[in-house]
Amino acid sequence: MIVWVNGAFGSGKTTLVEEVRGRLPEALVFDPEEVGFLLRQVVPEPSGDFQDLPLWRRQVVSLATGLVAEYGRPVLVPMTLVRPAYLAEVFGGLAAAGVPARHFFLRVPEEVLTARIDGRSFTPDDPARDEKVRAWCRSRIAECRAAEAEMPPETVFLDGGCTPALLADLLLAHLAL
């Protein structure tokens, strides 16, 4: 089973996945961003967002299904994925491969997202790059928040303002694990 934790940048996806992983030690964590970082070294991104590369979306589906097939364990995926066509492609690919997927979305107010992003350091040794990454994340807040209304009907929405422990309780209750 794939457990996809979605939400805006700064919503707490990785923190929640880490909390869930502590309770499900058999679970694997797959961060599709790593696929994007690899592709970024090989091919140019037409838009500056590796999600716009069809190869990224196909590889995410391939790796996720491969992890489930090879290891037979839950796979936790912390990844912002808000464009409806990309969501349909990725989740459609998982369904076509027969891989069950549960989709969670963390809702967080804009001002909280901004504060969390501003409080993060992505590349501490390169302050200029660090600010560029923060600016890119902030620039995506409106798109991510607007996408909440276009999430698939089976999406489970969680209040990203809750503690990671409470969010993990809620997520695991929805999974009946």
Protein backbone atom coordinates (compact mmCIF):
# COMPACT_ATOMS: atom_id res chain seq x y z
CA MET A 1 0.00 0.00 0.00
CA ILE A 2 1.10 3.53 -0.83
CA VAL A 3 0.33 6.18 1.79
CA TRP A 4 0.73 9.51 0.01
CA VAL A 5 0.95 12.56 2.28
CA ASN A 6 0.26 15.66 0.21
CA GLY A 7 0.04 19.36 1.00
CA ALA A 8 1.74 22.66 0.37
CA PHE A 9 5.42 23.19 0.99
CA GLY A 10 5.78 23.70 4.74
CA SER A 11 2.58 21.81 5.59
CA GLY A 12 4.38 19.12 7.60
CA LYS A 13 4.38 16.20 5.18
CA THR A 14 7.87 14.95 6.04
CA THR A 15 7.34 15.50 9.76
CA LEU A 16 4.12 13.47 9.65
CA VAL A 17 5.75 10.68 7.65
CA GLU A 18 8.60 10.53 10.18
CA GLU A 19 6.05 10.26 13.01
CA VAL A 20 4.14 7.49 11.21
CA ARG A 21 7.40 5.69 10.37
CA GLY A 22 8.22 5.61 14.08
CA ARG A 23 4.98 3.73 14.67
CA LEU A 24 5.25 1.52 11.58
CA PRO A 25 8.92 0.55 11.57
CA GLU A 26 8.32 -1.92 8.74
CA ALA A 27 7.19 0.91 6.45
CA LEU A 28 9.47 2.26 3.75
CA VAL A 29 9.80 5.98 3.05
CA PHE A 30 10.00 7.02 -0.60
CA ASP A 31 10.55 10.69 -1.39
CA PRO A 32 9.82 11.32 -5.09
CA GLU A 33 11.77 14.57 -4.82
CA GLU A 34 14.93 12.44 -4.95
CA VAL A 35 13.86 11.21 -8.39
CA GLY A 36 13.52 14.84 -9.43
CA PHE A 37 16.96 15.72 -8.08
CA LEU A 38 18.46 12.87 -10.11
CA LEU A 39 16.66 13.90 -13.29
CA ARG A 40 17.71 17.51 -12.75
CA GLN A 41 21.34 16.35 -13.07
CA VAL A 42 20.62 14.58 -16.36
CA VAL A 43 18.06 16.64 -18.29
CA PRO A 44 16.89 20.26 -18.20
CA GLU A 45 13.56 21.06 -16.59
CA PRO A 46 11.47 22.94 -19.14
CA SER A 47 9.71 24.98 -16.44
CA GLY A 48 12.03 24.80 -13.45
CA ASP A 49 9.75 22.16 -11.85
CA PHE A 50 10.77 18.54 -12.33
CA GLN A 51 7.13 17.46 -11.93
CA ASP A 52 6.60 18.87 -15.43
CA LEU A 53 8.85 16.11 -16.79
CA PRO A 54 6.70 13.17 -17.91
CA LEU A 55 9.66 10.91 -17.08
CA TRP A 56 9.53 12.05 -13.43
CA ARG A 57 5.88 11.04 -13.14
CA ARG A 58 6.47 7.67 -14.81
CA GLN A 59 9.51 6.94 -12.64
CA VAL A 60 7.63 7.84 -9.46
CA VAL A 61 4.93 5.31 -10.37
CA SER A 62 7.53 2.72 -11.36
CA LEU A 63 9.57 3.07 -8.17
CA ALA A 64 6.53 3.18 -5.89
CA THR A 65 5.01 0.07 -7.46
CA GLY A 66 8.39 -1.64 -7.44
CA LEU A 67 8.87 -0.97 -3.73
CA VAL A 68 5.45 -2.42 -2.91
CA ALA A 69 5.97 -5.46 -5.17
CA GLU A 70 9.53 -6.17 -4.06
CA TYR A 71 9.20 -5.58 -0.32
CA GLY A 72 5.48 -6.04 0.40
CA ARG A 73 5.51 -3.29 3.01
CA PRO A 74 3.65 0.00 3.34
CA VAL A 75 5.37 2.83 1.46
CA LEU A 76 5.06 6.32 2.93
CA VAL A 77 5.34 9.12 0.36
CA PRO A 78 5.70 12.75 1.51
CA MET A 79 5.25 14.80 -1.65
CA THR A 80 3.44 17.88 -2.85
CA LEU A 81 1.46 16.90 -5.94
CA VAL A 82 -1.30 19.38 -6.72
CA ARG A 83 -1.76 19.62 -10.47
CA PRO A 84 -4.90 17.59 -11.24
CA ALA A 85 -3.51 16.02 -14.42
CA TYR A 86 -0.34 14.91 -12.61
CA LEU A 87 -2.34 13.53 -9.68
CA ALA A 88 -4.52 11.59 -12.10
CA GLU A 89 -1.47 10.28 -13.96
CA VAL A 90 0.40 9.14 -10.85
CA PHE A 91 -2.57 7.69 -8.97
CA GLY A 92 -3.95 6.21 -12.19
CA GLY A 93 -0.60 4.52 -12.78
CA LEU A 94 -0.61 3.09 -9.27
CA ALA A 95 -4.18 1.82 -9.72
CA ALA A 96 -3.35 0.30 -13.12
CA ALA A 97 -0.47 -1.57 -11.47
CA GLY A 98 -2.86 -2.89 -8.83
CA VAL A 99 -1.19 -0.97 -6.02
CA PRO A 100 -3.61 0.33 -3.38
CA ALA A 101 -2.98 3.96 -2.52
CA ARG A 102 -4.38 6.17 0.22
CA HIS A 103 -4.15 9.91 -0.28
CA PHE A 104 -3.94 12.39 2.60
CA PHE A 105 -3.75 16.18 2.29
CA LEU A 106 -2.55 18.48 5.06
CA ARG A 107 -4.50 21.74 5.26
CA VAL A 108 -2.53 24.65 6.72
CA PRO A 109 -3.32 28.39 6.69
CA GLU A 110 -1.21 30.55 4.39
CA GLU A 111 0.40 32.54 7.20
CA VAL A 112 1.52 29.34 8.94
CA LEU A 113 2.97 27.98 5.69
CA THR A 114 4.88 31.21 5.12
CA ALA A 115 6.28 31.19 8.65
CA ARG A 116 7.33 27.54 8.39
CA ILE A 117 9.01 28.08 5.02
CA ASP A 118 10.79 31.20 6.27
CA GLY A 119 12.02 29.24 9.29
CA ARG A 120 13.58 26.45 7.22
CA SER A 121 17.07 26.17 5.86
CA PHE A 122 17.43 24.13 2.70
CA THR A 123 21.08 24.86 1.86
CA PRO A 124 22.73 26.35 4.97
CA ASP A 125 26.11 26.73 3.26
CA ASP A 126 24.62 28.83 0.46
CA PRO A 127 22.39 31.61 1.84
CA ALA A 128 21.55 33.00 -1.62
CA ARG A 129 20.40 29.58 -2.87
CA ASP A 130 18.59 29.02 0.43
CA GLU A 131 16.54 32.18 -0.08
CA LYS A 132 15.86 31.24 -3.71
CA VAL A 133 14.41 27.89 -2.60
CA ARG A 134 12.31 29.56 0.12
CA ALA A 135 11.02 32.10 -2.42
CA TRP A 136 10.08 29.28 -4.81
CA CYS A 137 8.21 27.45 -2.03
CA ARG A 138 6.38 30.64 -1.01
CA SER A 139 5.45 31.27 -4.65
CA ARG A 140 3.64 27.92 -4.73
CA ILE A 141 1.47 28.49 -1.64
CA ALA A 142 -1.53 29.92 -3.52
CA GLU A 143 -1.51 27.10 -6.10
CA CYS A 144 -1.25 24.45 -3.40
CA ARG A 145 -4.03 25.95 -1.29
CA ALA A 146 -6.31 26.38 -4.32
CA ALA A 147 -5.69 22.75 -5.28
CA GLU A 148 -7.41 21.56 -2.11
CA ALA A 149 -10.74 22.02 -3.90
CA GLU A 150 -9.59 19.81 -6.80
CA MET A 151 -8.26 16.85 -4.86
CA PRO A 152 -9.73 13.45 -5.74
CA PRO A 153 -12.90 12.62 -3.78
CA GLU A 154 -11.19 9.84 -1.81
CA THR A 155 -8.63 12.28 -0.39
CA VAL A 156 -8.59 12.46 3.41
CA PHE A 157 -8.00 16.01 4.61
CA LEU A 158 -6.13 16.53 7.87
CA ASP A 159 -5.58 19.72 9.86
CA GLY A 160 -1.86 20.37 9.45
CA GLY A 161 -1.97 22.62 12.51
CA CYS A 162 -2.37 19.58 14.77
CA THR A 163 0.64 18.02 16.44
CA PRO A 164 2.52 15.38 14.46
CA ALA A 165 1.49 12.78 17.05
CA LEU A 166 -2.22 13.58 16.65
CA LEU A 167 -1.91 13.66 12.86
CA ALA A 168 -0.25 10.24 12.93
CA ASP A 169 -3.08 8.93 15.13
CA LEU A 170 -5.65 10.24 12.64
CA LEU A 171 -3.81 8.92 9.59
CA LEU A 172 -3.32 5.47 11.11
CA ALA A 173 -6.97 5.37 12.18
CA HIS A 174 -8.00 6.03 8.56
CA LEU A 175 -5.74 3.21 7.45
CA ALA A 176 -7.06 0.95 10.23
CA LEU A 177 -3.48 0.07 11.18
